Amino acid sequence: MQIEVKDPATGALLQLDAKPEHFKGMQGYRLMHPNGSNFFIANQSGTWRSADDHHIDADFLINIGLALEGHKLREQATHT
């Protein structure tokens, strides 16, 4: 599925492809940038976390989680 995520640092709107995946015993999503880079996140105890040792800005991760959960774009944080 395609999700729209605000980059909280710049306010830029990013289009990411999110695919459900099972990774190291966790169910989550593989997020893919248009440039081909990707990372895996999983919701653990109500908090979205990077699960493949890929560093992700905490606010960006929150915005991704909000998008995956179907929240409106205006609910995502921007720190510009």
PDB file of N, CA and C in Angstrom:
ATOM      1  N   MET A   1       0.837  -1.173   0.000  1.00  0.00           N
ATOM      2  CA  MET A   1       0.000   0.000   0.000  1.00  0.00           C
ATOM      3  C   MET A   1       0.881   1.235   0.000  1.00  0.00           C
ATOM      4  N   GLN A   2       0.399   2.289  -0.621  1.00  0.00           N
ATOM      5  CA  GLN A   2       1.102   3.563  -0.646  1.00  0.00           C
ATOM      6  C   GLN A   2       0.629   4.396   0.547  1.00  0.00           C
ATOM      7  N   ILE A   3       1.581   5.017   1.242  1.00  0.00           N
ATOM      8  CA  ILE A   3       1.233   5.930   2.331  1.00  0.00           C
ATOM      9  C   ILE A   3       1.921   7.263   2.084  1.00  0.00           C
ATOM     10  N   GLU A   4       1.298   8.325   2.582  1.00  0.00           N
ATOM     11  CA  GLU A   4       1.876   9.665   2.528  1.00  0.00           C
ATOM     12  C   GLU A   4       2.361  10.010   3.924  1.00  0.00           C
ATOM     13  N   VAL A   5       3.618  10.402   3.999  1.00  0.00           N
ATOM     14  CA  VAL A   5       4.240  10.692   5.287  1.00  0.00           C
ATOM     15  C   VAL A   5       4.957  12.026   5.201  1.00  0.00           C
ATOM     16  N   LYS A   6       4.732  12.876   6.198  1.00  0.00           N
ATOM     17  CA  LYS A   6       5.464  14.145   6.273  1.00  0.00           C
ATOM     18  C   LYS A   6       6.832  13.897   6.897  1.00  0.00           C
ATOM     19  N   ASP A   7       7.855  14.459   6.286  1.00  0.00           N
ATOM     20  CA  ASP A   7       9.171  14.489   6.908  1.00  0.00           C
ATOM     21  C   ASP A   7       9.081  15.595   7.959  1.00  0.00           C
ATOM     22  N   PRO A   8       9.138  15.265   9.237  1.00  0.00           N
ATOM     23  CA  PRO A   8       8.932  16.290  10.268  1.00  0.00           C
ATOM     24  C   PRO A   8       9.998  17.386  10.262  1.00  0.00           C
ATOM     25  N   ALA A   9      11.182  17.089   9.759  1.00  0.00           N
ATOM     26  CA  ALA A   9      12.253  18.083   9.747  1.00  0.00           C
ATOM     27  C   ALA A   9      12.043  19.138   8.673  1.00  0.00           C
ATOM     28  N   THR A  10      11.483  18.741   7.531  1.00  0.00           N
ATOM     29  CA  THR A  10      11.355  19.668   6.410  1.00  0.00           C
ATOM     30  C   THR A  10       9.914  19.980   6.032  1.00  0.00           C
ATOM     31  N   GLY A  11       8.984  19.147   6.463  1.00  0.00           N
ATOM     32  CA  GLY A  11       7.586  19.307   6.067  1.00  0.00           C
ATOM     33  C   GLY A  11       7.290  18.707   4.704  1.00  0.00           C
ATOM     34  N   ALA A  12       8.310  18.140   4.041  1.00  0.00           N
ATOM     35  CA  ALA A  12       8.124  17.533   2.717  1.00  0.00           C
ATOM     36  C   ALA A  12       7.213  16.320   2.816  1.00  0.00           C
ATOM     37  N   LEU A  13       6.380  16.156   1.808  1.00  0.00           N
ATOM     38  CA  LEU A  13       5.474  15.020   1.749  1.00  0.00           C
ATOM     39  C   LEU A  13       6.144  13.898   0.964  1.00  0.00           C
ATOM     40  N   LEU A  14       6.271  12.751   1.601  1.00  0.00           N
ATOM     41  CA  LEU A  14       6.927  11.601   0.980  1.00  0.00           C
ATOM     42  C   LEU A  14       5.904  10.518   0.677  1.00  0.00           C
ATOM     43  N   GLN A  15       6.076   9.844  -0.435  1.00  0.00           N
ATOM     44  CA  GLN A  15       5.255   8.694  -0.809  1.00  0.00           C
ATOM     45  C   GLN A  15       6.091   7.449  -0.530  1.00  0.00           C
ATOM     46  N   LEU A  16       5.622   6.612   0.370  1.00  0.00           N
ATOM     47  CA  LEU A  16       6.337   5.383   0.694  1.00  0.00           C
ATOM     48  C   LEU A  16       5.453   4.190   0.379  1.00  0.00           C
ATOM     49  N   ASP A  17       6.077   3.110  -0.023  1.00  0.00           N
ATOM     50  CA  ASP A  17       5.374   1.856  -0.238  1.00  0.00           C
ATOM     51  C   ASP A  17       5.542   1.030   1.030  1.00  0.00           C
ATOM     52  N   ALA A  18       4.444   0.607   1.640  1.00  0.00           N
ATOM     53  CA  ALA A  18       4.468  -0.183   2.873  1.00  0.00           C
ATOM     54  C   ALA A  18       3.915  -1.568   2.581  1.00  0.00           C
ATOM     55  N   LYS A  19       4.748  -2.585   2.803  1.00  0.00           N
ATOM     56  CA  LYS A  19       4.329  -3.958   2.553  1.00  0.00           C
ATOM     57  C   LYS A  19       4.377  -4.743   3.857  1.00  0.00           C
ATOM     58  N   PRO A  20       3.277  -5.417   4.214  1.00  0.00           N
ATOM     59  CA  PRO A  20       3.302  -6.255   5.416  1.00  0.00           C
ATOM     60  C   PRO A  20       4.392  -7.321   5.289  1.00  0.00           C
ATOM     61  N   GLU A  21       5.068  -7.579   6.395  1.00  0.00           N
ATOM     62  CA  GLU A  21       6.163  -8.556   6.374  1.00  0.00           C
ATOM     63  C   GLU A  21       6.333  -9.160   7.764  1.00  0.00           C
ATOM     64  N   HIS A  22       6.784 -10.392   7.776  1.00  0.00           N
ATOM     65  CA  HIS A  22       7.158 -11.075   9.015  1.00  0.00           C
ATOM     66  C   HIS A  22       8.686 -11.118   9.032  1.00  0.00           C
ATOM     67  N   PHE A  23       9.301 -10.519  10.057  1.00  0.00           N
ATOM     68  CA  PHE A  23      10.758 -10.377  10.113  1.00  0.00           C
ATOM     69  C   PHE A  23      11.232 -10.683  11.519  1.00  0.00           C
ATOM     70  N   LYS A  24      12.118 -11.661  11.663  1.00  0.00           N
ATOM     71  CA  LYS A  24      12.685 -12.038  12.967  1.00  0.00           C
ATOM     72  C   LYS A  24      11.600 -12.243  14.021  1.00  0.00           C
ATOM     73  N   GLY A  25      10.538 -12.922  13.643  1.00  0.00           N
ATOM     74  CA  GLY A  25       9.472 -13.243  14.587  1.00  0.00           C
ATOM     75  C   GLY A  25       8.485 -12.120  14.853  1.00  0.00           C
ATOM     76  N   MET A  26       8.631 -11.001  14.160  1.00  0.00           N
ATOM     77  CA  MET A  26       7.733  -9.859  14.360  1.00  0.00           C
ATOM     78  C   MET A  26       6.927  -9.602  13.091  1.00  0.00           C
ATOM     79  N   GLN A  27       5.675  -9.228  13.279  1.00  0.00           N
ATOM     80  CA  GLN A  27       4.858  -8.797  12.150  1.00  0.00           C
ATOM     81  C   GLN A  27       4.928  -7.278  12.078  1.00  0.00           C
ATOM     82  N   GLY A  28       5.190  -6.752  10.900  1.00  0.00           N
ATOM     83  CA  GLY A  28       5.293  -5.310  10.735  1.00  0.00           C
ATOM     84  C   GLY A  28       5.212  -4.939   9.273  1.00  0.00           C
ATOM     85  N   TYR A  29       5.925  -3.872   8.913  1.00  0.00           N
ATOM     86  CA  TYR A  29       5.894  -3.361   7.542  1.00  0.00           C
ATOM     87  C   TYR A  29       7.301  -3.078   7.054  1.00  0.00           C
ATOM     88  N   ARG A  30       7.539  -3.426   5.807  1.00  0.00           N
ATOM     89  CA  ARG A  30       8.761  -3.034   5.106  1.00  0.00           C
ATOM     90  C   ARG A  30       8.407  -1.751   4.358  1.00  0.00           C
ATOM     91  N   LEU A  31       9.093  -0.655   4.680  1.00  0.00           N
ATOM     92  CA  LEU A  31       8.855   0.640   4.050  1.00  0.00           C
ATOM     93  C   LEU A  31       9.919   0.866   2.991  1.00  0.00           C
ATOM     94  N   MET A  32       9.482   1.215   1.788  1.00  0.00           N
ATOM     95  CA  MET A  32      10.409   1.416   0.686  1.00  0.00           C
ATOM     96  C   MET A  32      10.294   2.828   0.136  1.00  0.00           C
ATOM     97  N   HIS A  33      11.448   3.509   0.068  1.00  0.00           N
ATOM     98  CA  HIS A  33      11.538   4.827  -0.554  1.00  0.00           C
ATOM     99  C   HIS A  33      11.575   4.646  -2.063  1.00  0.00           C
ATOM    100  N   PRO A  34      11.158   5.669  -2.807  1.00  0.00           N
ATOM    101  CA  PRO A  34      11.257   5.591  -4.274  1.00  0.00           C
ATOM    102  C   PRO A  34      12.687   5.347  -4.767  1.00  0.00           C
ATOM    103  N   ASN A  35      13.701   5.750  -3.985  1.00  0.00           N
ATOM    104  CA  ASN A  35      15.099   5.564  -4.406  1.00  0.00           C
ATOM    105  C   ASN A  35      15.593   4.131  -4.183  1.00  0.00           C
ATOM    106  N   GLY A  36      14.738   3.274  -3.621  1.00  0.00           N
ATOM    107  CA  GLY A  36      15.092   1.874  -3.420  1.00  0.00           C
ATOM    108  C   GLY A  36      15.522   1.505  -2.017  1.00  0.00           C
ATOM    109  N   SER A  37      15.862   2.488  -1.183  1.00  0.00           N
ATOM    110  CA  SER A  37      16.237   2.149   0.190  1.00  0.00           C
ATOM    111  C   SER A  37      14.989   1.684   0.942  1.00  0.00           C
ATOM    112  N   ASN A  38      15.205   0.848   1.964  1.00  0.00           N
ATOM    113  CA  ASN A  38      14.064   0.320   2.708  1.00  0.00           C
ATOM    114  C   ASN A  38      14.450   0.029   4.148  1.00  0.00           C
ATOM    115  N   PHE A  39      13.441  -0.126   4.977  1.00  0.00           N
ATOM    116  CA  PHE A  39      13.633  -0.483   6.374  1.00  0.00           C
ATOM    117  C   PHE A  39      12.363  -1.156   6.883  1.00  0.00           C
ATOM    118  N   PHE A  40      12.494  -1.882   7.991  1.00  0.00           N
ATOM    119  CA  PHE A  40      11.385  -2.628   8.573  1.00  0.00           C
ATOM    120  C   PHE A  40      11.003  -1.988   9.907  1.00  0.00           C
ATOM    121  N   ILE A  41       9.697  -1.815  10.129  1.00  0.00           N
ATOM    122  CA  ILE A  41       9.223  -1.331  11.423  1.00  0.00           C
ATOM    123  C   ILE A  41       8.128  -2.267  11.930  1.00  0.00           C
ATOM    124  N   ALA A  42       8.001  -2.318  13.259  1.00  0.00           N
ATOM    125  CA  ALA A  42       6.970  -3.136  13.891  1.00  0.00           C
ATOM    126  C   ALA A  42       6.400  -2.365  15.069  1.00  0.00           C
ATOM    127  N   ASN A  43       5.143  -2.627  15.358  1.00  0.00           N
ATOM    128  CA  ASN A  43       4.484  -2.005  16.502  1.00  0.00           C
ATOM    129  C   ASN A  43       4.680  -2.932  17.696  1.00  0.00           C
ATOM    130  N   GLN A  44       5.407  -2.438  18.684  1.00  0.00           N
ATOM    131  CA  GLN A  44       5.688  -3.215  19.892  1.00  0.00           C
ATOM    132  C   GLN A  44       5.107  -2.487  21.089  1.00  0.00           C
ATOM    133  N   SER A  45       4.102  -3.089  21.688  1.00  0.00           N
ATOM    134  CA  SER A  45       3.435  -2.514  22.863  1.00  0.00           C
ATOM    135  C   SER A  45       2.899  -1.117  22.579  1.00  0.00           C
ATOM    136  N   GLY A  46       2.348  -0.910  21.383  1.00  0.00           N
ATOM    137  CA  GLY A  46       1.735   0.364  21.032  1.00  0.00           C
ATOM    138  C   GLY A  46       2.684   1.417  20.515  1.00  0.00           C
ATOM    139  N   THR A  47       3.965   1.067  20.331  1.00  0.00           N
ATOM    140  CA  THR A  47       4.957   2.018  19.844  1.00  0.00           C
ATOM    141  C   THR A  47       5.624   1.453  18.596  1.00  0.00           C
ATOM    142  N   TRP A  48       5.673   2.254  17.538  1.00  0.00           N
ATOM    143  CA  TRP A  48       6.335   1.833  16.311  1.00  0.00           C
ATOM    144  C   TRP A  48       7.836   1.966  16.491  1.00  0.00           C
ATOM    145  N   ARG A  49       8.558   0.891  16.118  1.00  0.00           N
ATOM    146  CA  ARG A  49      10.011   0.865  16.285  1.00  0.00           C
ATOM    147  C   ARG A  49      10.681   0.270  15.045  1.00  0.00           C
ATOM    148  N   SER A  50      11.894   0.741  14.784  1.00  0.00           N
ATOM    149  CA  SER A  50      12.704   0.127  13.746  1.00  0.00           C
ATOM    150  C   SER A  50      13.154  -1.225  14.275  1.00  0.00           C
ATOM    151  N   ALA A  51      13.014  -2.251  13.457  1.00  0.00           N
ATOM    152  CA  ALA A  51      13.349  -3.589  13.929  1.00  0.00           C
ATOM    153  C   ALA A  51      14.510  -4.208  13.152  1.00  0.00           C
ATOM    154  N   ASP A  52      15.119  -3.462  12.238  1.00  0.00           N
ATOM    155  CA  ASP A  52      16.232  -4.014  11.470  1.00  0.00           C
ATOM    156  C   ASP A  52      17.504  -3.176  11.618  1.00  0.00           C
ATOM    157  N   ASP A  53      17.642  -2.510  12.762  1.00  0.00           N
ATOM    158  CA  ASP A  53      18.822  -1.705  13.090  1.00  0.00           C
ATOM    159  C   ASP A  53      19.040  -0.525  12.153  1.00  0.00           C
ATOM    160  N   HIS A  54      18.006  -0.113  11.440  1.00  0.00           N
ATOM    161  CA  HIS A  54      18.075   1.063  10.570  1.00  0.00           C
ATOM    162  C   HIS A  54      17.701   2.277  11.423  1.00  0.00           C
ATOM    163  N   HIS A  55      18.565   3.286  11.489  1.00  0.00           N
ATOM    164  CA  HIS A  55      18.248   4.473  12.297  1.00  0.00           C
ATOM    165  C   HIS A  55      17.151   5.291  11.609  1.00  0.00           C
ATOM    166  N   ILE A  56      16.100   5.558  12.363  1.00  0.00           N
ATOM    167  CA  ILE A  56      14.985   6.371  11.873  1.00  0.00           C
ATOM    168  C   ILE A  56      14.699   7.428  12.921  1.00  0.00           C
ATOM    169  N   ASP A  57      14.595   8.687  12.507  1.00  0.00           N
ATOM    170  CA  ASP A  57      14.245   9.774  13.413  1.00  0.00           C
ATOM    171  C   ASP A  57      12.943   9.436  14.125  1.00  0.00           C
ATOM    172  N   ALA A  58      12.894   9.641  15.429  1.00  0.00           N
ATOM    173  CA  ALA A  58      11.731   9.259  16.234  1.00  0.00           C
ATOM    174  C   ALA A  58      10.437   9.923  15.746  1.00  0.00           C
ATOM    175  N   ASP A  59      10.484  11.209  15.404  1.00  0.00           N
ATOM    176  CA  ASP A  59       9.283  11.897  14.930  1.00  0.00           C
ATOM    177  C   ASP A  59       8.836  11.383  13.564  1.00  0.00           C
ATOM    178  N   PHE A  60       9.795  11.034  12.709  1.00  0.00           N
ATOM    179  CA  PHE A  60       9.464  10.464  11.414  1.00  0.00           C
ATOM    180  C   PHE A  60       8.795   9.099  11.598  1.00  0.00           C
ATOM    181  N   LEU A  61       9.296   8.316  12.530  1.00  0.00           N
ATOM    182  CA  LEU A  61       8.712   7.014  12.829  1.00  0.00           C
ATOM    183  C   LEU A  61       7.281   7.158  13.345  1.00  0.00           C
ATOM    184  N   ILE A  62       7.036   8.160  14.174  1.00  0.00           N
ATOM    185  CA  ILE A  62       5.676   8.426  14.659  1.00  0.00           C
ATOM    186  C   ILE A  62       4.771   8.762  13.481  1.00  0.00           C
ATOM    187  N   ASN A  63       5.242   9.612  12.567  1.00  0.00           N
ATOM    188  CA  ASN A  63       4.435   9.974  11.395  1.00  0.00           C
ATOM    189  C   ASN A  63       4.138   8.757  10.525  1.00  0.00           C
ATOM    190  N   ILE A  64       5.111   7.880  10.347  1.00  0.00           N
ATOM    191  CA  ILE A  64       4.875   6.653   9.582  1.00  0.00           C
ATOM    192  C   ILE A  64       3.799   5.820  10.262  1.00  0.00           C
ATOM    193  N   GLY A  65       3.909   5.659  11.571  1.00  0.00           N
ATOM    194  CA  GLY A  65       2.908   4.897  12.318  1.00  0.00           C
ATOM    195  C   GLY A  65       1.519   5.491  12.175  1.00  0.00           C
ATOM    196  N   LEU A  66       1.410   6.812  12.253  1.00  0.00           N
ATOM    197  CA  LEU A  66       0.108   7.467  12.081  1.00  0.00           C
ATOM    198  C   LEU A  66      -0.464   7.184  10.699  1.00  0.00           C
ATOM    199  N   ALA A  67       0.389   7.240   9.676  1.00  0.00           N
ATOM    200  CA  ALA A  67      -0.064   6.961   8.309  1.00  0.00           C
ATOM    201  C   ALA A  67      -0.529   5.509   8.180  1.00  0.00           C
ATOM    202  N   LEU A  68       0.226   4.583   8.741  1.00  0.00           N
ATOM    203  CA  LEU A  68      -0.144   3.169   8.673  1.00  0.00           C
ATOM    204  C   LEU A  68      -1.455   2.889   9.404  1.00  0.00           C
ATOM    205  N   GLU A  69      -1.703   3.634  10.465  1.00  0.00           N
ATOM    206  CA  GLU A  69      -2.922   3.443  11.259  1.00  0.00           C
ATOM    207  C   GLU A  69      -4.120   4.175  10.668  1.00  0.00           C
ATOM    208  N   GLY A  70      -3.917   4.888   9.546  1.00  0.00           N
ATOM    209  CA  GLY A  70      -5.023   5.546   8.864  1.00  0.00           C
ATOM    210  C   GLY A  70      -5.396   6.922   9.383  1.00  0.00           C
ATOM    211  N   HIS A  71      -4.525   7.536  10.178  1.00  0.00           N
ATOM    212  CA  HIS A  71      -4.788   8.890  10.661  1.00  0.00           C
ATOM    213  C   HIS A  71      -4.676   9.879   9.509  1.00  0.00           C
ATOM    214  N   LYS A  72      -5.335  10.995   9.644  1.00  0.00           N
ATOM    215  CA  LYS A  72      -5.305  12.039   8.623  1.00  0.00           C
ATOM    216  C   LYS A  72      -3.913  12.674   8.565  1.00  0.00           C
ATOM    217  N   LEU A  73      -3.524  13.114   7.385  1.00  0.00           N
ATOM    218  CA  LEU A  73      -2.215  13.712   7.154  1.00  0.00           C
ATOM    219  C   LEU A  73      -1.972  14.909   8.078  1.00  0.00           C
ATOM    220  N   ARG A  74      -2.999  15.687   8.359  1.00  0.00           N
ATOM    221  CA  ARG A  74      -2.825  16.881   9.199  1.00  0.00           C
ATOM    222  C   ARG A  74      -2.434  16.537  10.646  1.00  0.00           C
ATOM    223  N   GLU A  75      -2.618  15.279  11.044  1.00  0.00           N
ATOM    224  CA  GLU A  75      -2.249  14.855  12.398  1.00  0.00           C
ATOM    225  C   GLU A  75      -0.751  14.567  12.530  1.00  0.00           C
ATOM    226  N   GLN A  76      -0.038  14.494  11.401  1.00  0.00           N
ATOM    227  CA  GLN A  76       1.384  14.220  11.442  1.00  0.00           C
ATOM    228  C   GLN A  76       2.166  15.476  11.817  1.00  0.00           C
ATOM    229  N   ALA A  77       3.227  15.272  12.583  1.00  0.00           N
ATOM    230  CA  ALA A  77       4.031  16.390  13.094  1.00  0.00           C
ATOM    231  C   ALA A  77       4.937  16.981  12.019  1.00  0.00           C
ATOM    232  N   THR A  78       5.106  18.295  12.085  1.00  0.00           N
ATOM    233  CA  THR A  78       6.052  19.016  11.248  1.00  0.00           C
ATOM    234  C   THR A  78       6.778  20.008  12.149  1.00  0.00           C
ATOM    235  N   HIS A  79       8.097  20.049  12.054  1.00  0.00           N
ATOM    236  CA  HIS A  79       8.898  20.957  12.901  1.00  0.00           C
ATOM    237  C   HIS A  79       9.625  21.989  12.065  1.00  0.00           C
ATOM    238  N   THR A  80       8.928  22.604  11.106  1.00  0.00           N
ATOM    239  CA  THR A  80       9.582  23.603  10.274  1.00  0.00           C
ATOM    240  C   THR A  80       9.392  24.985  10.857  1.00  0.00           C
TER     241      THR A  80
END
